[in-house]
N, C-alpha and C. Protein backbone atom coordinates (compact mmCIF):
# COMPACT_ATOMS: atom_id res chain seq x y z
N MET A 1 86.40 111.48 117.32
CA MET A 1 87.59 112.22 116.96
C MET A 1 88.29 111.47 115.84
N ALA A 2 88.89 112.20 114.91
CA ALA A 2 89.65 111.59 113.82
C ALA A 2 90.85 110.86 114.40
N GLU A 3 91.23 109.81 113.72
CA GLU A 3 92.40 109.04 114.13
C GLU A 3 93.63 109.83 113.66
N ILE A 4 94.23 110.63 114.54
CA ILE A 4 95.29 111.55 114.13
C ILE A 4 96.57 110.83 113.70
N SER A 5 96.76 109.61 114.11
CA SER A 5 97.96 108.90 113.67
C SER A 5 97.91 108.61 112.17
N ARG A 6 96.73 108.71 111.57
CA ARG A 6 96.59 108.45 110.14
C ARG A 6 96.64 109.73 109.31
N LEU A 7 96.71 110.88 109.96
CA LEU A 7 96.73 112.15 109.24
C LEU A 7 98.12 112.40 108.66
N PRO A 8 98.15 113.08 107.50
CA PRO A 8 99.46 113.45 106.96
C PRO A 8 100.15 114.41 107.92
N GLY A 9 101.42 114.54 107.78
CA GLY A 9 102.19 115.42 108.65
C GLY A 9 101.87 116.88 108.42
N PRO A 10 102.62 117.77 109.08
CA PRO A 10 102.33 119.20 109.01
C PRO A 10 102.78 119.88 107.72
N ALA A 11 103.41 119.17 106.81
CA ALA A 11 103.89 119.78 105.57
C ALA A 11 102.71 120.30 104.75
N ALA A 12 102.78 121.57 104.38
CA ALA A 12 101.67 122.24 103.68
C ALA A 12 101.27 121.54 102.39
N HIS A 13 102.24 120.97 101.67
CA HIS A 13 101.90 120.34 100.39
C HIS A 13 100.95 119.15 100.55
N GLN A 14 100.88 118.58 101.74
CA GLN A 14 99.97 117.45 101.98
C GLN A 14 98.54 117.91 102.21
N TRP A 15 98.34 119.19 102.44
CA TRP A 15 97.02 119.72 102.72
C TRP A 15 96.53 120.71 101.67
N VAL A 16 97.33 121.04 100.69
CA VAL A 16 97.00 122.10 99.73
C VAL A 16 95.71 121.80 98.96
N TRP A 17 95.37 120.54 98.79
CA TRP A 17 94.14 120.19 98.07
C TRP A 17 92.92 120.83 98.73
N GLN A 18 92.95 121.02 100.04
CA GLN A 18 91.80 121.58 100.75
C GLN A 18 91.51 123.02 100.32
N GLN A 19 92.51 123.73 99.86
CA GLN A 19 92.31 125.11 99.41
C GLN A 19 91.45 125.18 98.16
N HIS A 20 91.31 124.06 97.45
CA HIS A 20 90.57 124.04 96.19
C HIS A 20 89.17 123.44 96.33
N GLY A 21 88.79 123.10 97.55
CA GLY A 21 87.48 122.48 97.78
C GLY A 21 86.33 123.44 97.57
N SER A 22 85.28 122.95 96.95
CA SER A 22 84.07 123.76 96.75
C SER A 22 83.44 124.16 98.08
N CYS A 23 83.71 123.41 99.12
CA CYS A 23 83.14 123.67 100.44
C CYS A 23 83.71 124.93 101.09
N ARG A 24 84.84 125.40 100.62
CA ARG A 24 85.51 126.54 101.25
C ARG A 24 84.67 127.80 101.22
N ARG A 25 83.73 127.89 100.29
CA ARG A 25 82.91 129.10 100.17
C ARG A 25 81.68 129.06 101.10
N LEU A 26 81.50 127.96 101.82
CA LEU A 26 80.34 127.80 102.70
C LEU A 26 80.75 127.66 104.16
N SER A 27 79.79 127.86 105.02
CA SER A 27 80.01 127.67 106.45
C SER A 27 80.17 126.18 106.74
N PRO A 28 81.02 125.82 107.68
CA PRO A 28 81.13 124.41 108.08
C PRO A 28 79.80 123.84 108.56
N ASP A 29 78.90 124.71 109.01
CA ASP A 29 77.59 124.24 109.47
C ASP A 29 76.82 123.50 108.38
N ALA A 30 77.14 123.77 107.12
CA ALA A 30 76.48 123.08 106.01
C ALA A 30 76.90 121.61 105.95
N PHE A 31 78.05 121.28 106.52
CA PHE A 31 78.62 119.93 106.39
C PHE A 31 78.63 119.13 107.69
N PHE A 32 78.37 119.79 108.81
CA PHE A 32 78.39 119.13 110.11
C PHE A 32 77.06 119.38 110.81
N HIS A 33 76.37 118.30 111.17
CA HIS A 33 75.05 118.47 111.78
C HIS A 33 75.15 118.98 113.21
N PRO A 34 74.19 119.84 113.57
CA PRO A 34 74.16 120.30 114.96
C PRO A 34 73.67 119.17 115.86
N GLU A 35 74.00 119.27 117.11
CA GLU A 35 73.59 118.26 118.08
C GLU A 35 72.07 118.10 118.05
N GLY A 36 71.63 116.87 117.98
CA GLY A 36 70.21 116.58 118.02
C GLY A 36 69.49 116.65 116.69
N GLU A 37 70.18 117.03 115.62
CA GLU A 37 69.51 117.10 114.31
C GLU A 37 69.13 115.70 113.86
N ARG A 38 67.88 115.52 113.48
CA ARG A 38 67.39 114.21 113.07
C ARG A 38 66.43 114.36 111.89
N GLY A 39 66.05 113.23 111.35
CA GLY A 39 64.98 113.16 110.36
C GLY A 39 65.20 113.99 109.11
N SER A 40 64.11 114.62 108.66
CA SER A 40 64.15 115.33 107.38
C SER A 40 65.11 116.51 107.40
N ALA A 41 65.28 117.16 108.54
CA ALA A 41 66.23 118.28 108.61
C ALA A 41 67.65 117.80 108.34
N ARG A 42 68.00 116.66 108.90
CA ARG A 42 69.34 116.12 108.69
C ARG A 42 69.53 115.65 107.25
N VAL A 43 68.53 114.99 106.71
CA VAL A 43 68.59 114.52 105.33
C VAL A 43 68.72 115.71 104.38
N SER A 44 67.95 116.76 104.60
CA SER A 44 68.00 117.95 103.75
C SER A 44 69.38 118.61 103.78
N ARG A 45 69.94 118.77 104.99
CA ARG A 45 71.26 119.38 105.11
C ARG A 45 72.31 118.53 104.42
N ALA A 46 72.27 117.22 104.64
CA ALA A 46 73.24 116.31 104.04
C ALA A 46 73.12 116.31 102.52
N THR A 47 71.90 116.31 102.01
CA THR A 47 71.70 116.33 100.56
C THR A 47 72.26 117.60 99.94
N ALA A 48 72.02 118.74 100.58
CA ALA A 48 72.56 120.01 100.09
C ALA A 48 74.09 120.00 100.12
N ALA A 49 74.67 119.46 101.18
CA ALA A 49 76.13 119.40 101.28
C ALA A 49 76.70 118.49 100.20
N LYS A 50 76.05 117.37 99.96
CA LYS A 50 76.53 116.43 98.94
C LYS A 50 76.46 117.05 97.55
N ARG A 51 75.48 117.91 97.30
CA ARG A 51 75.40 118.60 96.00
C ARG A 51 76.63 119.49 95.79
N VAL A 52 77.11 120.12 96.86
CA VAL A 52 78.32 120.94 96.76
C VAL A 52 79.50 120.05 96.36
N CYS A 53 79.55 118.84 96.92
CA CYS A 53 80.64 117.91 96.65
C CYS A 53 80.60 117.35 95.22
N ASP A 54 79.41 117.28 94.64
CA ASP A 54 79.25 116.64 93.33
C ASP A 54 80.24 117.13 92.28
N ASP A 55 80.44 118.43 92.20
CA ASP A 55 81.31 119.01 91.18
C ASP A 55 82.64 119.51 91.74
N CYS A 56 82.99 119.07 92.92
CA CYS A 56 84.20 119.56 93.58
C CYS A 56 85.45 119.03 92.87
N PRO A 57 86.41 119.89 92.60
CA PRO A 57 87.63 119.45 91.92
C PRO A 57 88.54 118.56 92.77
N VAL A 58 88.31 118.52 94.07
CA VAL A 58 89.15 117.69 94.95
C VAL A 58 88.34 116.59 95.64
N LEU A 59 87.26 116.17 95.03
CA LEU A 59 86.39 115.15 95.61
C LEU A 59 87.18 113.89 95.96
N THR A 60 88.00 113.42 95.05
CA THR A 60 88.75 112.18 95.30
C THR A 60 89.71 112.33 96.46
N GLN A 61 90.46 113.42 96.50
CA GLN A 61 91.39 113.64 97.61
C GLN A 61 90.65 113.73 98.94
N CYS A 62 89.49 114.36 98.93
CA CYS A 62 88.71 114.51 100.14
C CYS A 62 88.22 113.15 100.65
N ARG A 63 87.74 112.31 99.74
CA ARG A 63 87.30 110.97 100.13
C ARG A 63 88.45 110.14 100.67
N ILE A 64 89.58 110.21 99.99
CA ILE A 64 90.75 109.45 100.45
C ILE A 64 91.12 109.89 101.87
N HIS A 65 91.15 111.20 102.08
CA HIS A 65 91.47 111.71 103.41
C HIS A 65 90.45 111.22 104.44
N ALA A 66 89.16 111.39 104.14
CA ALA A 66 88.11 111.05 105.10
C ALA A 66 88.13 109.58 105.47
N LEU A 67 88.37 108.73 104.50
CA LEU A 67 88.39 107.29 104.78
C LEU A 67 89.67 106.87 105.49
N SER A 68 90.80 107.41 105.08
CA SER A 68 92.05 107.00 105.72
C SER A 68 92.19 107.57 107.13
N ALA A 69 91.67 108.78 107.36
CA ALA A 69 91.72 109.37 108.70
C ALA A 69 90.52 108.94 109.54
N ARG A 70 89.59 108.25 108.92
CA ARG A 70 88.36 107.81 109.59
C ARG A 70 87.66 108.99 110.26
N GLU A 71 87.46 110.04 109.44
CA GLU A 71 86.76 111.23 109.94
C GLU A 71 85.42 110.80 110.51
N PRO A 72 85.16 111.11 111.78
CA PRO A 72 83.95 110.60 112.42
C PRO A 72 82.69 111.45 112.19
N TYR A 73 82.85 112.69 111.77
CA TYR A 73 81.70 113.58 111.67
C TYR A 73 81.68 114.31 110.35
N GLY A 74 80.49 114.67 109.91
CA GLY A 74 80.32 115.55 108.77
C GLY A 74 80.30 114.86 107.42
N ILE A 75 80.04 115.68 106.42
CA ILE A 75 80.08 115.25 105.02
C ILE A 75 81.50 115.50 104.52
N TRP A 76 82.13 114.46 104.06
CA TRP A 76 83.49 114.55 103.49
C TRP A 76 83.47 113.78 102.17
N GLY A 77 83.91 114.44 101.10
CA GLY A 77 83.94 113.76 99.81
C GLY A 77 82.58 113.26 99.36
N GLY A 78 81.55 113.96 99.75
CA GLY A 78 80.20 113.58 99.36
C GLY A 78 79.63 112.39 100.10
N LEU A 79 80.27 112.00 101.19
CA LEU A 79 79.82 110.84 101.97
C LEU A 79 79.45 111.26 103.38
N THR A 80 78.35 110.72 103.88
CA THR A 80 77.94 110.96 105.26
C THR A 80 78.76 110.07 106.19
N GLU A 81 78.62 110.31 107.48
CA GLU A 81 79.29 109.48 108.48
C GLU A 81 78.90 108.01 108.29
N GLU A 82 77.59 107.80 108.08
CA GLU A 82 77.08 106.43 107.94
C GLU A 82 77.59 105.75 106.67
N GLU A 83 77.67 106.51 105.58
CA GLU A 83 78.19 105.94 104.32
C GLU A 83 79.66 105.59 104.44
N ARG A 84 80.43 106.42 105.12
CA ARG A 84 81.86 106.12 105.30
C ARG A 84 82.03 104.89 106.19
N ALA A 85 81.26 104.81 107.25
CA ALA A 85 81.36 103.66 108.15
C ALA A 85 81.00 102.37 107.42
N ALA A 86 79.95 102.41 106.61
CA ALA A 86 79.54 101.22 105.86
C ALA A 86 80.60 100.81 104.84
N ALA A 87 81.19 101.80 104.17
CA ALA A 87 82.25 101.50 103.19
C ALA A 87 83.47 100.90 103.87
N LEU A 88 83.86 101.46 105.00
CA LEU A 88 85.04 100.95 105.73
C LEU A 88 84.79 99.55 106.28
N ALA A 89 83.54 99.25 106.61
CA ALA A 89 83.20 97.93 107.14
C ALA A 89 82.95 96.92 106.03
N GLY A 90 83.01 97.39 104.77
CA GLY A 90 82.78 96.49 103.64
C GLY A 90 81.32 96.17 103.41
N ARG A 91 80.43 96.94 104.02
CA ARG A 91 79.00 96.71 103.86
C ARG A 91 78.39 97.45 102.67
N ALA A 92 79.14 98.39 102.09
CA ALA A 92 78.60 99.18 100.99
C ALA A 92 79.73 99.64 100.08
N ASP A 93 79.40 99.80 98.82
CA ASP A 93 80.34 100.38 97.87
C ASP A 93 80.33 101.89 98.04
N ILE A 94 81.42 102.52 97.70
CA ILE A 94 81.51 103.96 97.74
C ILE A 94 80.86 104.49 96.46
N PRO A 95 79.86 105.38 96.58
CA PRO A 95 79.22 105.90 95.38
C PRO A 95 80.20 106.65 94.50
N ALA A 96 79.99 106.58 93.21
CA ALA A 96 80.88 107.27 92.26
C ALA A 96 80.68 108.75 92.32
């Protein structure tokens, strides 16, 4: 579960960036793996989701949100759960 104490408050202006995300035109299933998804199926889904993020106009805001809220699941800002965890632990740089 996301760390809700780190989420911005209910004021709409703090969330308006989400309305401009390239992901809004797709099903959330493209960004969140189903239970038990492993191997090449998971890599393929994650790669396709990351391609959507590549040209997203709110990529930076999405990454900031995902890292500060410690979003535990899904592709956020072009980063997988594992990439976010490694970046937060200082084990990896955040890809440009």
